Protein backbone atom coordinates (compact mmCIF):
# COMPACT_ATOMS: atom_id res chain seq x y z
CA UNK A 1 -8.09 17.27 9.11
CA UNK A 2 -11.04 18.18 11.70
CA UNK A 3 -13.61 15.95 9.66
CA UNK A 4 -10.89 12.97 9.18
CA UNK A 5 -9.85 13.13 13.69
CA UNK A 6 -13.51 13.16 14.15
CA UNK A 7 -14.57 10.36 11.83
CA UNK A 8 -12.04 8.54 13.23
CA UNK A 9 -12.88 9.37 16.21
CA UNK A 10 -16.84 8.79 16.25
CA UNK A 11 -16.50 5.39 14.16
CA UNK A 12 -13.83 3.65 15.81
CA UNK A 13 -13.72 5.13 19.15
CA UNK A 14 -10.60 4.23 21.50
CA UNK A 15 -8.04 1.87 19.13
CA UNK A 16 -6.12 -0.89 22.30
CA UNK A 17 -2.69 -1.32 21.30
CA UNK A 18 -2.19 -3.50 23.58
CA UNK A 19 -4.70 -6.11 21.74
CA UNK A 20 -6.78 -8.48 24.47
CA UNK A 21 -4.52 -7.18 27.44
CA UNK A 22 -6.18 -5.74 30.78
CA UNK A 23 -5.74 -2.14 30.85
CA UNK A 24 -3.64 -2.67 34.05
CA UNK A 25 -0.50 -4.36 31.29
CA UNK A 26 -1.22 -2.44 28.64
CA UNK A 27 1.62 -1.45 26.79
CA UNK A 28 3.52 2.26 26.53
CA UNK A 29 2.70 4.05 23.29
CA UNK A 30 5.70 5.62 22.13
CA UNK A 31 4.17 7.10 18.89
CA UNK A 32 0.80 8.02 18.67
CA UNK A 33 0.46 9.78 14.75
CA UNK A 34 -3.45 10.57 14.50
CA UNK A 35 -3.89 12.19 11.65
CA UNK A 36 -3.23 9.57 7.63
CA UNK A 37 -4.21 8.47 4.71
CA UNK A 38 -3.67 5.56 2.70
CA UNK A 39 -5.25 4.57 -0.86
CA UNK A 40 -4.87 0.61 -1.47
CA UNK A 41 -5.22 -1.72 -4.45
CA UNK A 42 -6.60 -5.55 -4.96
CA UNK A 43 -6.11 -8.29 -7.08
CA UNK A 44 -8.55 -9.88 -7.93
CA UNK A 45 -10.99 -6.21 -6.55
CA UNK A 46 -13.02 -7.52 -3.75
CA UNK A 47 -16.92 -8.36 -4.29
CA UNK A 48 -19.45 -9.60 -1.83
CA UNK A 49 -18.09 -13.75 -2.19
CA UNK A 50 -14.80 -14.60 -0.53
CA UNK A 51 -11.49 -14.73 -2.38
CA UNK A 52 -7.47 -15.24 -2.11
CA UNK A 53 -6.50 -11.47 -3.33
CA UNK A 54 -3.41 -9.75 -2.87
CA UNK A 55 -2.81 -6.30 -2.39
CA UNK A 56 -0.95 -3.18 -2.58
CA UNK A 57 -1.09 -0.05 0.33
CA UNK A 58 0.61 2.66 -0.06
CA UNK A 59 0.58 6.57 2.09
CA UNK A 60 1.30 8.53 5.40
CA UNK A 61 1.18 9.19 8.81
CA UNK A 62 1.97 13.12 10.15
CA UNK A 63 1.07 14.54 13.47
CA UNK A 64 2.85 12.78 15.24
CA UNK A 65 3.59 12.38 18.96
CA UNK A 66 6.76 10.90 19.56
CA UNK A 67 7.67 10.30 23.49
CA UNK A 68 10.55 7.32 22.56
CA UNK A 69 12.58 10.65 21.59
CA UNK A 70 13.13 9.16 18.35
CA UNK A 71 12.40 12.67 16.68
CA UNK A 72 9.55 11.32 14.35
CA UNK A 73 6.62 13.84 12.92
CA UNK A 74 5.53 11.51 10.40
CA UNK A 75 6.46 8.68 7.65
CA UNK A 76 5.20 7.38 4.46
CA UNK A 77 4.67 3.67 4.41
CA UNK A 78 3.72 1.34 1.71
CA UNK A 79 2.52 -2.65 2.51
CA UNK A 80 1.44 -5.52 0.39
CA UNK A 81 0.15 -9.10 1.54
CA UNK A 82 -2.63 -11.67 0.39
CA UNK A 83 -5.08 -13.07 2.14
CA UNK A 84 -8.82 -14.08 1.74
CA UNK A 85 -10.86 -11.22 2.10
CA UNK A 86 -14.35 -10.09 0.37
CA UNK A 87 -16.12 -6.41 0.64
CA UNK A 88 -17.06 -6.81 4.18
CA UNK A 89 -14.28 -9.08 6.20
CA UNK A 90 -11.31 -10.63 5.49
CA UNK A 91 -7.64 -11.62 7.26
CA UNK A 92 -5.00 -10.80 5.21
CA UNK A 93 -1.36 -11.23 5.98
CA UNK A 94 0.84 -8.34 5.70
CA UNK A 95 3.64 -6.55 5.67
CA UNK A 96 4.32 -3.07 5.81
CA UNK A 97 7.36 -0.78 5.62
CA UNK A 98 7.62 2.59 7.64
CA UNK A 99 10.11 4.91 5.96
CA UNK A 100 10.47 7.88 9.20
CA UNK A 101 10.70 11.23 9.18
CA UNK A 102 14.07 10.77 10.72
CA UNK A 103 15.79 8.45 8.30
CA UNK A 104 15.37 5.32 9.67
CA UNK A 105 12.82 2.41 8.58
CA UNK A 106 10.77 0.04 10.59
CA UNK A 107 9.28 -3.92 8.89
CA UNK A 108 6.74 -4.98 9.82
CA UNK A 109 5.35 -8.34 10.03
CA UNK A 110 1.19 -9.07 11.08
CA UNK A 111 -2.46 -9.55 10.12
CA UNK A 112 -5.13 -7.50 8.38
CA UNK A 113 -8.56 -7.38 9.71
CA UNK A 114 -11.31 -6.05 7.66
CA UNK A 115 -14.78 -5.57 9.42
CA UNK A 116 -18.08 -3.86 9.41
CA UNK A 117 -18.71 -1.20 12.23
CA UNK A 118 -22.10 0.24 13.35
CA UNK A 119 -23.74 2.07 10.75
CA UNK A 120 -22.52 -0.10 7.66
CA UNK A 121 -18.76 1.55 7.96
CA UNK A 122 -15.56 -0.73 6.80
CA UNK A 123 -12.86 -0.67 9.17
CA UNK A 124 -9.13 -2.73 8.48
CA UNK A 125 -7.29 -3.02 11.04
CA UNK A 126 -3.14 -4.16 11.05
CA UNK A 127 -1.46 -5.68 13.61
CA UNK A 128 1.91 -6.48 13.31
CA UNK A 129 5.12 -6.64 15.30
CA UNK A 130 8.80 -5.03 14.47
CA UNK A 131 11.02 -7.29 13.08
CA UNK A 132 14.10 -4.97 11.99
CA UNK A 133 14.84 -1.70 11.86
CA UNK A 134 13.33 1.64 14.43
CA UNK A 135 10.78 0.13 16.86
CA UNK A 136 12.37 -3.71 16.70
CA UNK A 137 9.92 -6.07 18.80
CA UNK A 138 7.01 -3.09 19.44
CA UNK A 139 3.87 -3.52 18.64
CA UNK A 140 1.86 -1.86 15.59
CA UNK A 141 -1.49 -0.71 15.81
CA UNK A 142 -2.73 0.96 12.01
CA UNK A 143 -6.81 1.80 11.74
CA UNK A 144 -8.20 2.97 8.72
CA UNK A 145 -11.65 3.51 7.96
CA UNK A 146 -11.98 2.67 3.77
CA UNK A 147 -14.11 5.35 2.01
CA UNK A 148 -15.27 4.22 -1.42
CA UNK A 149 -16.86 6.11 -3.33
CA UNK A 150 -18.00 3.48 -6.00
CA UNK A 151 -20.62 1.72 -4.00
CA UNK A 152 -21.55 -0.24 -6.42
CA UNK A 153 -18.13 -2.41 -7.96
CA UNK A 154 -18.51 -4.66 -5.06
CA UNK A 155 -21.21 -6.17 -7.34
CA UNK A 156 -19.09 -6.04 -9.80
CA UNK A 157 -17.58 -9.03 -11.01
CA UNK A 158 -14.44 -7.65 -11.03
CA UNK A 159 -15.10 -6.08 -7.76
CA UNK A 160 -13.65 -3.39 -5.52
CA UNK A 161 -9.80 -2.75 -6.96
CA UNK A 162 -9.25 0.54 -5.14
CA UNK A 163 -9.61 1.92 -1.90
CA UNK A 164 -8.49 5.04 0.42
CA UNK A 165 -9.72 6.71 3.62
CA UNK A 166 -8.42 8.19 6.58
CA UNK A 167 -5.48 6.31 8.88
CA UNK A 168 -4.54 6.35 12.12
CA UNK A 169 -0.87 4.46 13.74
CA UNK A 170 0.60 3.72 17.02
CA UNK A 171 3.36 1.79 18.02
CA UNK A 172 4.02 0.27 21.41
CA UNK A 173 7.21 -1.30 22.76
């Protein structure tokens, strides 16, 4: 766990849930879940050439700090989406469902961007809005470090079909 937190802190640095708004106008973070993991599959697989892909992913978050009073300590989630991407960059639409430990759910619709960070680390950032369920109207930011044990998969015709990694999640009103 400490390694995951170190990787997230060192690679990602601070993540703003307010997007491009100035710090003085930043939203209040109601839920912050610094520990989690996710595994996703891509069809067709990601290569170094951009192509239209669909994805499915699932995972969980824990260690949540809940300032909303909702009793949140963790969640499981699943997501589907599609868009144009390759192993280094991309932009995809996304619909996620979070199943909170308190029995409630949140459906989030947004976008996922894949980008390269310092030292060649690939990061995927989901930014979206809760459309229904708990926290309707809130902004959600989920950040995932894309760990890849098969570094040659992006060079193959089939491409990278599955990737997992540590994630963090924030929910802000």
